Protein backbone atom coordinates (compact mmCIF):
# COMPACT_ATOMS: atom_id res chain seq x y z
CA UNK A 1 -11.93 -9.56 -8.16
CA UNK A 2 -8.43 -7.72 -7.10
CA UNK A 3 -7.45 -7.28 -3.69
CA UNK A 4 -5.50 -4.37 -2.22
CA UNK A 5 -3.36 -4.49 1.29
CA UNK A 6 -4.40 -2.54 4.02
CA UNK A 7 -2.19 -3.35 6.62
CA UNK A 8 0.16 -6.69 8.05
CA UNK A 9 -1.05 -8.87 11.59
CA UNK A 10 2.07 -8.96 13.59
CA UNK A 11 1.15 -10.59 16.39
CA UNK A 12 -1.30 -11.49 18.57
CA UNK A 13 -2.64 -9.71 21.68
CA UNK A 14 -4.10 -11.34 24.68
CA UNK A 15 -6.30 -14.41 24.88
CA UNK A 16 -9.16 -12.83 23.50
CA UNK A 17 -8.66 -12.99 19.73
CA UNK A 18 -7.46 -9.37 19.28
CA UNK A 19 -4.53 -8.84 16.38
CA UNK A 20 -1.83 -6.15 16.32
CA UNK A 21 -2.25 -4.50 12.67
CA UNK A 22 0.43 -2.37 11.61
CA UNK A 23 -1.53 -0.11 8.66
CA UNK A 24 -0.39 0.37 4.89
CA UNK A 25 -3.26 2.89 4.23
CA UNK A 26 -3.26 6.37 4.31
CA UNK A 27 -7.25 5.82 4.89
CA UNK A 28 -6.76 3.57 8.16
CA UNK A 29 -10.03 5.39 9.85
CA UNK A 30 -12.33 4.26 7.38
CA UNK A 31 -10.29 0.58 6.50
CA UNK A 32 -10.24 0.30 10.35
CA UNK A 33 -13.57 -0.18 11.30
CA UNK A 34 -16.50 -2.16 12.82
CA UNK A 35 -18.17 -3.94 10.53
CA UNK A 36 -15.75 -3.16 7.93
CA UNK A 37 -15.30 -6.06 5.57
CA UNK A 38 -11.40 -7.42 4.55
CA UNK A 39 -9.69 -10.68 3.82
CA UNK A 40 -6.62 -12.07 5.52
CA UNK A 41 -4.21 -13.22 2.89
CA UNK A 42 -2.96 -16.49 2.01
CA UNK A 43 -2.94 -19.83 -0.26
CA UNK A 44 -6.98 -19.41 1.36
CA UNK A 45 -7.90 -16.03 1.34
CA UNK A 46 -10.17 -15.83 4.73
CA UNK A 47 -12.90 -12.90 4.28
CA UNK A 48 -13.82 -11.22 8.36
CA UNK A 49 -15.83 -9.17 9.66
CA UNK A 50 -14.14 -6.68 12.49
CA UNK A 51 -15.82 -7.05 15.37
CA UNK A 52 -13.93 -4.72 17.91
CA UNK A 53 -11.30 -1.48 17.18
CA UNK A 54 -8.98 0.33 19.30
CA UNK A 55 -5.51 1.93 19.07
CA UNK A 56 -2.48 0.37 20.87
CA UNK A 57 0.72 2.24 20.87
CA UNK A 58 1.68 1.99 16.82
CA UNK A 59 -0.37 -0.29 16.33
CA UNK A 60 -4.14 -0.98 15.73
CA UNK A 61 -6.05 -3.81 17.84
CA UNK A 62 -8.82 -5.53 15.88
CA UNK A 63 -10.86 -8.48 16.35
CA UNK A 64 -13.17 -10.45 14.19
CA UNK A 65 -16.18 -11.94 14.14
CA UNK A 66 -16.55 -15.74 15.03
CA UNK A 67 -12.84 -15.80 15.41
CA UNK A 68 -12.38 -14.54 19.04
CA UNK A 69 -9.92 -16.42 20.49
CA UNK A 70 -6.31 -16.80 21.02
CA UNK A 71 -5.93 -19.94 19.11
CA UNK A 72 -8.18 -19.27 15.79
CA UNK A 73 -6.33 -16.06 15.42
CA UNK A 74 -2.74 -17.42 15.81
CA UNK A 75 -2.59 -19.15 12.87
CA UNK A 76 -2.80 -15.30 10.77
CA UNK A 77 0.30 -13.76 12.03
CA UNK A 78 2.35 -12.37 9.74
CA UNK A 79 -0.28 -12.08 6.95
CA UNK A 80 -1.59 -9.15 4.70
CA UNK A 81 -5.14 -7.54 5.80
CA UNK A 82 -6.95 -6.73 2.01
CA UNK A 83 -9.45 -5.19 0.42
CA UNK A 84 -11.54 -5.28 -2.70
CA UNK A 85 -11.09 -2.84 -5.17
CA UNK A 86 -14.63 -1.95 -4.93
CA UNK A 87 -14.03 -0.37 -1.33
CA UNK A 88 -11.00 1.84 -2.96
CA UNK A 89 -12.03 5.50 -1.93
CA UNK A 90 -12.23 8.07 -4.62
CA UNK A 91 -9.36 9.97 -4.79
CA UNK A 92 -8.96 14.05 -6.04
CA UNK A 93 -7.34 14.52 -9.44
CA UNK A 94 -3.75 14.91 -8.28
CA UNK A 95 -3.72 11.55 -5.96
CA UNK A 96 -3.35 7.96 -6.96
CA UNK A 97 -2.90 4.75 -4.98
CA UNK A 98 0.48 2.99 -5.33
CA UNK A 99 -0.46 0.23 -7.50
CA UNK A 100 -1.47 2.66 -9.95
CA UNK A 101 1.80 4.21 -9.71
CA UNK A 102 3.81 1.11 -9.60
CA UNK A 103 4.69 -0.73 -13.47
CA UNK A 104 4.36 2.71 -14.87
CA UNK A 105 6.98 3.34 -17.52
CA UNK A 106 9.14 6.41 -16.17
CA UNK A 107 10.04 9.26 -19.44
CA UNK A 108 12.58 11.88 -19.24
CA UNK A 109 10.84 15.30 -20.86
CA UNK A 110 14.31 16.17 -22.16
CA UNK A 111 14.69 13.48 -24.64
CA UNK A 112 11.40 11.65 -24.33
CA UNK A 113 13.16 8.16 -23.22
CA UNK A 114 12.48 5.94 -20.90
CA UNK A 115 14.61 5.42 -17.58
CA UNK A 116 12.79 2.25 -16.30
CA UNK A 117 9.94 0.90 -14.54
CA UNK A 118 8.25 1.89 -11.23
CA UNK A 119 9.16 -0.81 -8.77
CA UNK A 120 7.77 0.19 -5.84
CA UNK A 121 7.15 3.32 -3.77
CA UNK A 122 9.23 4.13 -0.24
CA UNK A 123 7.38 6.40 2.06
CA UNK A 124 9.94 8.66 3.70
CA UNK A 125 9.58 11.26 5.77
CA UNK A 126 9.69 14.45 3.12
CA UNK A 127 8.50 12.75 0.65
CA UNK A 128 8.08 9.23 -0.79
CA UNK A 129 9.96 8.07 -3.43
CA UNK A 130 10.27 5.63 -6.41
CA UNK A 131 11.68 3.35 -7.18
CA UNK A 132 12.72 2.30 -10.98
CA UNK A 133 14.01 -0.30 -12.37
CA UNK A 134 16.47 0.23 -15.27
CA UNK A 135 17.49 -2.68 -17.71
CA UNK A 136 21.59 -3.42 -16.95
CA UNK A 137 21.68 -0.37 -14.16
CA UNK A 138 21.14 0.59 -11.06
CA UNK A 139 17.79 1.51 -10.02
CA UNK A 140 16.71 4.76 -9.69
CA UNK A 141 15.47 6.30 -6.76
CA UNK A 142 13.34 9.65 -8.39
CA UNK A 143 11.36 12.07 -5.26
CA UNK A 144 7.36 12.23 -5.89
CA UNK A 145 8.04 16.90 -5.68
CA UNK A 146 6.81 18.34 -8.45
CA UNK A 147 9.60 20.01 -9.68
CA UNK A 148 10.69 15.69 -10.48
CA UNK A 149 6.92 14.12 -11.79
CA UNK A 150 5.73 16.81 -14.20
CA UNK A 151 3.06 14.06 -15.58
CA UNK A 152 0.77 10.99 -14.74
CA UNK A 153 -0.84 9.84 -17.09
CA UNK A 154 -2.37 6.33 -16.23
CA UNK A 155 -4.51 5.42 -19.50
CA UNK A 156 -0.48 5.69 -21.42
CA UNK A 157 1.23 3.86 -18.46
CA UNK A 158 3.93 6.97 -18.44
CA UNK A 159 5.14 9.25 -15.80
CA UNK A 160 7.29 12.09 -17.09
CA UNK A 161 10.06 13.93 -15.07
CA UNK A 162 12.52 16.30 -15.13
CA UNK A 163 15.54 14.01 -14.37
CA UNK A 164 17.41 16.75 -12.27
CA UNK A 165 21.14 16.63 -11.95
CA UNK A 166 22.05 14.11 -8.89
CA UNK A 167 19.78 11.80 -9.90
CA UNK A 168 21.91 9.23 -11.54
């Protein structure tokens, strides 16, 4: 069973077992609904069902069935909330999940050389930026925009880019 991160429990809220969650998903309205199953990551993952959901400032406040007390939920502070692969939403043809992009080889369109491998994705206000690890060099930061990233081939495990001046 593959699990994917959708949020992080950052703290408790009150004494009735609510937790403050920072969502790391583009679909918080789908992931955090009453009755939705989640997994609290850890050495022994715990499957939970959402009992209540409400927005609070920049957080989402959740409580879980059978964990309606601060003493029961406090141990999960700092843990990630995960969903099973079967719960992932089907995306449009030109959209990708982060886990599909991380690990791709980045190929320069000009000469076909492998520049490195995507190690993480930074979410910035203007656009996402791919961090590309390179052997013996500093990481390369690739903006995920149409002028730079020209093709993504998940089956081949590669992304082709136009290496613009100033990226190195």
